[in-house]
Amino acid sequence: MAVQNAGPAPAAQALGTSVTAARSTSEPTGGARRSKVAAYVAIAFLCFFSLFPLYWMVENSLRTESDTSSSISFWPESFHWSNYATMWNALTYPFHIFLINSFVVAGLVTLGTVVSCALVAYGFARFRFPGRSLFFAIIIGTTMIPYAVMMIPQYALFINVFHWGGGGSAFGYSNLFQFLPQIVPAFFGSPIWIFLFRQFIRGIPYDLDEAAKVDGAGPLRILWIVILPTMRPAIAAVTVLVFIGKWNDFLGPLIYLTDSHNWTIELALNSFVTRYSVVFNLQMAASLMSMIPIMALYFVGSRQIIEGVTLSGVKG
C-alpha cells in the first residue's frame, strides 16, 4: 500500500509547483503595479486638465453677469438656467438664425471640398499625362502660401470684379451674395485634401478598374462604383475635419458677412464682446450651444477620421 500511494504524491507536488509558477508569472510584480498606477494617475490628470475648460464654460454659463466678473470660485452661488433663454434672444436676431447660417456655409463648403478634391485626386492617381508630377508639386506647394497673403487679392476679386459684396434676396435673407466668397472657392479643391485622397486612391488595386473597364465602365463610372465606395474612410475623415474647420472659421465670415442676418456662429459669439466689457455668462452659454453640433459630429466620425488618415498614410 505504501508503494501504491507514493506514486500520486510527486505528480500532485509537480502540479502545485506549476500552478504556483504560472500564478507568479501572471501576477504583476510590485514595480509593474506601481508603474500601472502611475500611468492611471497621469491619464486622470491629463483628462482633468483637458476637460477643465469645458467645466469652466458650463459653470460660468449658469452664473449671473456680476458673479462672473467678481467671483473666482469654481462653483456658482446659484444656478441661472434662464441664461440660455436670455442668450437665445440677446442679439439682433434669434440664435437659431446664426446656427442655420453656419450649417449652410459649413455644409456647402464640405460638399464642395469633398467633390472637387476627389475628382482632382482621381485624375492625379489614375491618369498619366505630361507634367503630372509638376502640376501635383505646384498644387502641394500652394499649401505654403499663408492666407494673409491671398486675403486682399481675393477680397478685391470677389467684391470689385464679381460684385459679391451684397445684393440678392431669398428665404428672408438680404445681401445673399455675401455667402458666395465663403462657398465658391471650396468647389475648386484644397491641396491638403487632394494629397490625402490621392494617397488613398493609389492604394486601391488597379485590377478593380480593369475589371470595371471590361464591363464597359468609363472613367466617371469607375470613380462612382469602384473608387468612391472604397474611399469611405478617407471621405468621412475629410468631411468631419472640413466641417469642423469651417464651423469654427472666424476671419473669412468677418471679412465678407457684413449683414448681421448673414452672420455665422463665430460672429454671433463675438457680438457678446462690447467695447468696454464682455457678457461672460451669455457668451459661455452661446459657446456651449455652438459646441454641441461639432462635438456630436466628431464623436460619430472619430473612428473614420483615424482610419482614413492612417490608411492614407500607409497606402500608396
Protein backbone atom coordinates (compact mmCIF):
# COMPACT_ATOMS: atom_id res chain seq x y z
CA MET A 1 0.00 0.00 0.00
CA ALA A 2 2.87 2.37 0.77
CA VAL A 3 4.29 1.73 -2.68
CA GLN A 4 0.91 2.34 -4.35
CA ASN A 5 0.30 5.68 -2.53
CA ALA A 6 3.77 7.00 -3.24
CA GLY A 7 3.01 7.49 -6.97
CA PRO A 8 0.44 10.34 -6.98
CA ALA A 9 2.35 12.49 -4.46
CA PRO A 10 5.15 13.62 -6.81
CA ALA A 11 2.61 14.31 -9.56
CA ALA A 12 0.44 16.44 -7.25
CA GLN A 13 3.51 18.25 -6.00
CA ALA A 14 4.65 18.93 -9.56
CA LEU A 15 1.16 20.16 -10.47
CA GLY A 16 1.10 22.51 -7.49
CA THR A 17 4.52 23.81 -8.38
CA SER A 18 3.47 24.53 -11.97
CA VAL A 19 0.27 26.30 -10.82
CA THR A 20 2.26 28.41 -8.38
CA ALA A 21 4.80 29.27 -11.06
CA ALA A 22 2.07 30.20 -13.54
CA ARG A 23 0.32 32.35 -10.93
CA SER A 24 3.56 34.10 -10.05
CA THR A 25 4.29 34.88 -13.71
CA SER A 26 0.74 36.12 -14.40
CA GLU A 27 0.54 38.39 -11.35
CA PRO A 28 2.32 41.75 -11.78
CA THR A 29 5.29 42.46 -9.63
CA GLY A 30 5.44 45.38 -7.25
CA GLY A 31 7.33 47.55 -9.76
CA ALA A 32 4.91 46.78 -12.58
CA ARG A 33 1.93 47.51 -10.32
CA ARG A 34 3.38 50.86 -9.32
CA SER A 35 4.04 51.73 -12.98
CA LYS A 36 0.43 50.93 -13.87
CA VAL A 37 -0.89 53.07 -11.02
CA ALA A 38 1.38 55.94 -12.07
CA ALA A 39 0.11 55.65 -15.65
CA TYR A 40 -3.51 55.76 -14.47
CA VAL A 41 -2.79 58.81 -12.33
CA ALA A 42 -1.09 60.59 -15.24
CA ILE A 43 -4.01 59.80 -17.57
CA ALA A 44 -6.52 61.02 -14.99
CA PHE A 45 -4.57 64.25 -14.54
CA LEU A 46 -4.41 64.84 -18.29
CA CYS A 47 -8.15 64.18 -18.64
CA PHE A 48 -8.90 66.63 -15.84
CA PHE A 49 -6.56 69.21 -17.37
CA SER A 50 -8.23 68.80 -20.79
CA LEU A 51 -11.82 68.85 -19.54
CA PHE A 52 -11.45 71.69 -17.04
CA PRO A 53 -12.06 74.45 -19.66
CA LEU A 54 -15.33 72.74 -20.57
CA TYR A 55 -16.35 72.64 -16.90
CA TRP A 56 -15.37 76.30 -16.52
CA MET A 57 -17.54 77.16 -19.53
CA VAL A 58 -20.57 75.29 -18.18
CA GLU A 59 -20.42 76.71 -14.68
CA ASN A 60 -19.85 80.28 -15.94
CA SER A 61 -22.85 79.95 -18.24
CA LEU A 62 -25.03 79.42 -15.15
CA ARG A 63 -23.80 82.45 -13.21
CA THR A 64 -25.15 85.97 -13.12
CA GLU A 65 -23.26 88.66 -15.02
CA SER A 66 -21.98 90.24 -11.80
CA ASP A 67 -20.97 86.85 -10.42
CA THR A 68 -18.79 86.05 -13.44
CA SER A 69 -16.87 89.32 -13.13
CA SER A 70 -16.47 89.43 -9.35
CA SER A 71 -16.10 85.78 -8.27
CA ILE A 72 -13.21 83.42 -8.92
CA SER A 73 -14.77 80.40 -7.22
CA PHE A 74 -15.21 77.12 -9.05
CA TRP A 75 -18.88 76.77 -8.12
CA PRO A 76 -21.61 79.35 -8.82
CA GLU A 77 -23.57 80.84 -5.94
CA SER A 78 -26.81 79.93 -7.72
CA PHE A 79 -27.73 78.26 -10.99
CA HIS A 80 -29.44 80.50 -13.53
CA TRP A 81 -30.72 78.25 -16.31
CA SER A 82 -32.59 81.21 -17.71
CA ASN A 83 -29.28 82.45 -19.14
CA TYR A 84 -29.79 80.15 -22.10
CA ALA A 85 -33.20 81.64 -22.91
CA THR A 86 -31.80 85.14 -22.46
CA MET A 87 -28.84 84.35 -24.71
CA TRP A 88 -31.09 82.94 -27.43
CA ASN A 89 -32.74 86.32 -28.00
CA ALA A 90 -29.99 88.66 -26.80
CA LEU A 91 -28.69 89.62 -30.27
CA THR A 92 -30.33 91.34 -33.20
CA TYR A 93 -31.75 88.05 -34.48
CA PRO A 94 -32.60 84.80 -32.66
CA PHE A 95 -29.65 82.49 -32.11
CA HIS A 96 -31.02 79.78 -34.40
CA ILE A 97 -30.52 82.09 -37.39
CA PHE A 98 -26.77 82.01 -36.83
CA LEU A 99 -26.81 78.24 -36.33
CA ILE A 100 -28.62 77.80 -39.65
CA ASN A 101 -26.13 80.07 -41.40
CA SER A 102 -23.22 78.06 -40.04
CA PHE A 103 -24.83 74.77 -41.05
CA VAL A 104 -25.46 76.03 -44.60
CA VAL A 105 -21.99 77.53 -45.09
CA ALA A 106 -20.10 74.64 -43.48
CA GLY A 107 -22.24 72.05 -45.25
CA LEU A 108 -21.79 73.54 -48.73
CA VAL A 109 -18.07 74.09 -48.16
CA THR A 110 -17.72 70.45 -47.07
CA LEU A 111 -19.66 69.21 -50.09
CA GLY A 112 -17.63 71.30 -52.50
CA THR A 113 -14.33 70.29 -50.93
CA VAL A 114 -15.07 66.56 -50.98
CA VAL A 115 -16.39 66.54 -54.57
CA SER A 116 -13.65 68.71 -56.08
CA CYS A 117 -10.78 67.08 -54.19
CA ALA A 118 -11.98 63.58 -55.05
CA LEU A 119 -12.13 64.43 -58.78
CA VAL A 120 -8.70 66.08 -58.85
CA ALA A 121 -7.11 63.33 -56.75
CA TYR A 122 -8.64 60.66 -59.02
CA GLY A 123 -7.07 62.34 -62.04
CA PHE A 124 -3.62 62.51 -60.46
CA ALA A 125 -3.78 58.93 -59.16
CA ARG A 126 -5.18 57.09 -62.17
CA PHE A 127 -4.30 59.07 -65.32
CA ARG A 128 -0.92 59.68 -66.93
CA PHE A 129 -0.46 62.99 -68.74
CA PRO A 130 2.51 65.28 -69.47
CA GLY A 131 3.54 67.37 -66.49
CA ARG A 132 1.52 65.36 -63.96
CA SER A 133 4.24 65.38 -61.33
CA LEU A 134 4.96 69.08 -61.88
CA PHE A 135 1.30 70.08 -61.57
CA PHE A 136 0.90 67.99 -58.44
CA ALA A 137 4.01 69.55 -56.90
CA ILE A 138 2.68 73.03 -57.66
CA ILE A 139 -0.66 72.20 -56.02
CA ILE A 140 1.04 70.86 -52.91
CA GLY A 141 3.38 73.85 -52.88
CA THR A 142 0.44 76.23 -52.56
CA THR A 143 -0.06 74.99 -49.02
CA MET A 144 2.96 77.09 -48.04
CA ILE A 145 1.21 80.34 -49.07
CA PRO A 146 -0.28 81.99 -45.97
CA TYR A 147 -3.93 83.03 -46.09
CA ALA A 148 -2.93 86.57 -45.15
CA VAL A 149 -1.09 86.88 -48.48
CA MET A 150 -4.17 85.87 -50.51
CA MET A 151 -6.73 87.69 -48.38
CA ILE A 152 -6.55 91.14 -50.02
CA PRO A 153 -6.36 89.90 -53.67
CA GLN A 154 -9.29 87.55 -53.04
CA TYR A 155 -11.31 90.33 -51.46
CA ALA A 156 -10.63 92.64 -54.42
CA LEU A 157 -11.60 89.86 -56.85
CA PHE A 158 -14.85 88.90 -55.13
CA ILE A 159 -16.04 92.41 -54.25
CA ASN A 160 -14.79 94.59 -57.11
CA VAL A 161 -14.88 92.13 -60.02
CA PHE A 162 -17.67 89.66 -59.17
CA HIS A 163 -19.62 92.15 -57.00
CA TRP A 164 -20.41 89.53 -54.38
CA GLY A 165 -20.49 92.02 -51.52
CA GLY A 166 -24.26 92.40 -51.48
CA GLY A 167 -27.46 92.23 -53.47
CA GLY A 168 -29.95 89.46 -53.99
CA SER A 169 -32.52 88.18 -51.52
CA ALA A 170 -34.20 84.83 -50.90
CA PHE A 171 -35.63 82.90 -47.98
CA GLY A 172 -35.73 86.08 -45.92
CA TYR A 173 -32.04 86.85 -46.49
CA SER A 174 -30.91 90.14 -47.99
CA ASN A 175 -27.41 90.55 -49.41
CA LEU A 176 -27.44 86.86 -50.23
CA PHE A 177 -24.32 87.12 -52.42
CA GLN A 178 -22.22 87.70 -49.29
CA PHE A 179 -22.17 83.92 -48.80
CA LEU A 180 -20.58 83.20 -52.18
CA PRO A 181 -16.96 84.16 -51.30
CA GLN A 182 -17.17 81.63 -48.46
CA ILE A 183 -18.65 78.81 -50.52
CA VAL A 184 -17.45 79.03 -54.15
CA PRO A 185 -13.67 78.60 -53.53
CA ALA A 186 -14.35 75.24 -51.85
CA PHE A 187 -15.52 73.82 -55.22
CA PHE A 188 -12.01 74.31 -56.64
CA GLY A 189 -10.27 71.92 -54.27
CA SER A 190 -7.90 72.12 -51.33
CA PRO A 191 -4.27 70.95 -51.65
CA ILE A 192 -4.03 69.02 -48.38
CA TRP A 193 -7.23 67.01 -49.05
CA ILE A 194 -6.22 66.40 -52.67
CA PHE A 195 -2.99 64.90 -51.37
CA LEU A 196 -4.84 62.73 -48.83
CA PHE A 197 -7.34 61.43 -51.41
CA ARG A 198 -4.58 60.76 -53.96
CA GLN A 199 -2.61 58.70 -51.46
CA PHE A 200 -5.70 56.66 -50.66
CA ILE A 201 -6.64 56.06 -54.30
CA ARG A 202 -3.11 54.91 -55.12
CA GLY A 203 -3.57 52.14 -52.57
CA ILE A 204 -6.67 50.78 -54.34
CA PRO A 205 -5.71 47.87 -56.67
CA TYR A 206 -5.80 48.89 -60.33
CA ASP A 207 -7.25 45.47 -61.16
CA LEU A 208 -10.62 46.75 -59.93
CA ASP A 209 -10.51 49.48 -62.57
CA GLU A 210 -9.60 46.96 -65.26
CA ALA A 211 -12.50 44.72 -64.28
CA ALA A 212 -14.89 47.66 -64.50
CA LYS A 213 -13.49 48.61 -67.92
CA VAL A 214 -14.18 45.07 -69.16
CA ASP A 215 -17.81 45.60 -68.16
CA GLY A 216 -17.88 48.79 -70.24
CA ALA A 217 -17.49 51.38 -67.47
CA GLY A 218 -15.95 54.73 -68.28
CA PRO A 219 -13.69 56.84 -66.03
CA LEU A 220 -16.51 58.62 -64.18
CA ARG A 221 -18.45 55.39 -63.68
CA ILE A 222 -15.31 53.71 -62.34
CA LEU A 223 -14.93 56.59 -59.91
CA TRP A 224 -18.55 56.21 -58.80
CA ILE A 225 -18.84 52.43 -58.46
CA VAL A 226 -15.24 51.42 -57.62
CA ILE A 227 -13.19 54.28 -56.15
CA LEU A 228 -15.68 56.22 -54.01
CA PRO A 229 -17.11 53.19 -52.14
CA THR A 230 -13.56 52.11 -51.28
CA MET A 231 -12.69 55.65 -50.16
CA ARG A 232 -15.37 55.84 -47.46
CA PRO A 233 -12.91 56.13 -44.53
CA ALA A 234 -10.99 58.95 -46.22
CA ILE A 235 -14.19 60.74 -47.28
CA ALA A 236 -15.59 60.50 -43.77
CA ALA A 237 -12.37 61.89 -42.29
CA VAL A 238 -12.26 64.83 -44.71
CA THR A 239 -15.97 65.53 -44.22
CA VAL A 240 -15.69 65.78 -40.45
CA LEU A 241 -12.46 67.79 -40.44
CA VAL A 242 -13.57 70.26 -43.11
CA PHE A 243 -16.98 70.78 -41.49
CA ILE A 244 -15.44 71.45 -38.08
CA GLY A 245 -12.82 73.75 -39.56
CA LYS A 246 -15.38 75.87 -41.42
CA TRP A 247 -17.76 75.86 -38.45
CA ASN A 248 -15.00 77.39 -36.32
CA ASP A 249 -13.83 79.84 -39.01
CA PHE A 250 -13.93 83.47 -37.90
CA LEU A 251 -11.75 85.54 -40.21
CA GLY A 252 -13.46 84.64 -43.50
CA PRO A 253 -17.03 85.41 -42.34
CA LEU A 254 -15.76 88.56 -40.58
CA ILE A 255 -14.47 89.94 -43.90
CA TYR A 256 -17.46 89.19 -46.13
CA LEU A 257 -20.59 88.75 -43.96
CA THR A 258 -21.27 92.37 -43.09
CA ASP A 259 -25.04 91.92 -42.81
CA SER A 260 -25.85 90.74 -39.27
CA HIS A 261 -28.62 88.46 -40.60
CA ASN A 262 -25.96 86.54 -42.52
CA TRP A 263 -23.61 86.04 -39.57
CA THR A 264 -22.27 82.60 -38.77
CA ILE A 265 -22.00 81.29 -35.22
CA GLU A 266 -18.48 82.65 -34.66
CA LEU A 267 -19.51 86.20 -35.50
CA ALA A 268 -22.51 85.85 -33.21
CA LEU A 269 -20.26 84.77 -30.34
CA ASN A 270 -18.05 87.79 -30.93
CA SER A 271 -21.09 90.05 -30.59
CA PHE A 272 -21.22 89.38 -26.85
CA VAL A 273 -17.92 91.29 -26.59
CA THR A 274 -18.60 95.01 -26.37
CA ARG A 275 -16.10 97.84 -26.46
CA TYR A 276 -15.84 98.11 -22.68
CA SER A 277 -16.99 94.76 -21.33
CA VAL A 278 -17.77 91.13 -22.09
CA VAL A 279 -21.06 89.45 -21.17
CA PHE A 280 -19.32 86.30 -19.99
CA ASN A 281 -22.31 84.29 -18.81
CA LEU A 282 -24.26 84.71 -22.05
CA GLN A 283 -21.15 84.22 -24.17
CA MET A 284 -20.33 80.97 -22.36
CA ALA A 285 -23.92 79.76 -22.82
CA ALA A 286 -23.75 80.58 -26.53
CA SER A 287 -20.33 78.91 -26.85
CA LEU A 288 -21.65 75.75 -25.25
CA MET A 289 -24.62 75.67 -27.63
CA SER A 290 -22.30 76.16 -30.61
CA MET A 291 -20.08 73.27 -29.48
CA ILE A 292 -22.84 70.67 -29.30
CA PRO A 293 -23.21 70.05 -33.10
CA ILE A 294 -19.49 69.67 -33.79
CA MET A 295 -18.95 67.55 -30.68
CA ALA A 296 -21.69 65.19 -31.85
CA LEU A 297 -20.23 65.11 -35.35
CA TYR A 298 -16.74 64.37 -34.06
CA PHE A 299 -17.88 61.57 -31.75
CA VAL A 300 -19.79 59.98 -34.61
CA GLY A 301 -16.92 60.23 -37.08
CA SER A 302 -13.85 59.92 -34.84
CA ARG A 303 -13.19 56.31 -35.82
CA GLN A 304 -13.45 57.18 -39.52
CA ILE A 305 -11.05 60.08 -39.04
CA ILE A 306 -8.37 57.85 -37.52
CA GLU A 307 -8.92 55.08 -40.05
CA GLY A 308 -8.95 57.42 -43.05
CA VAL A 309 -5.82 59.34 -42.10
CA THR A 310 -3.95 56.15 -41.13
CA LEU A 311 -4.80 54.27 -44.32
CA SER A 312 -3.99 57.30 -46.46
CA GLY A 313 -0.55 57.47 -44.88
CA VAL A 314 0.17 53.75 -45.26
CA LYS A 315 -1.12 53.17 -48.78
CA GLY A 316 0.37 54.48 -51.98
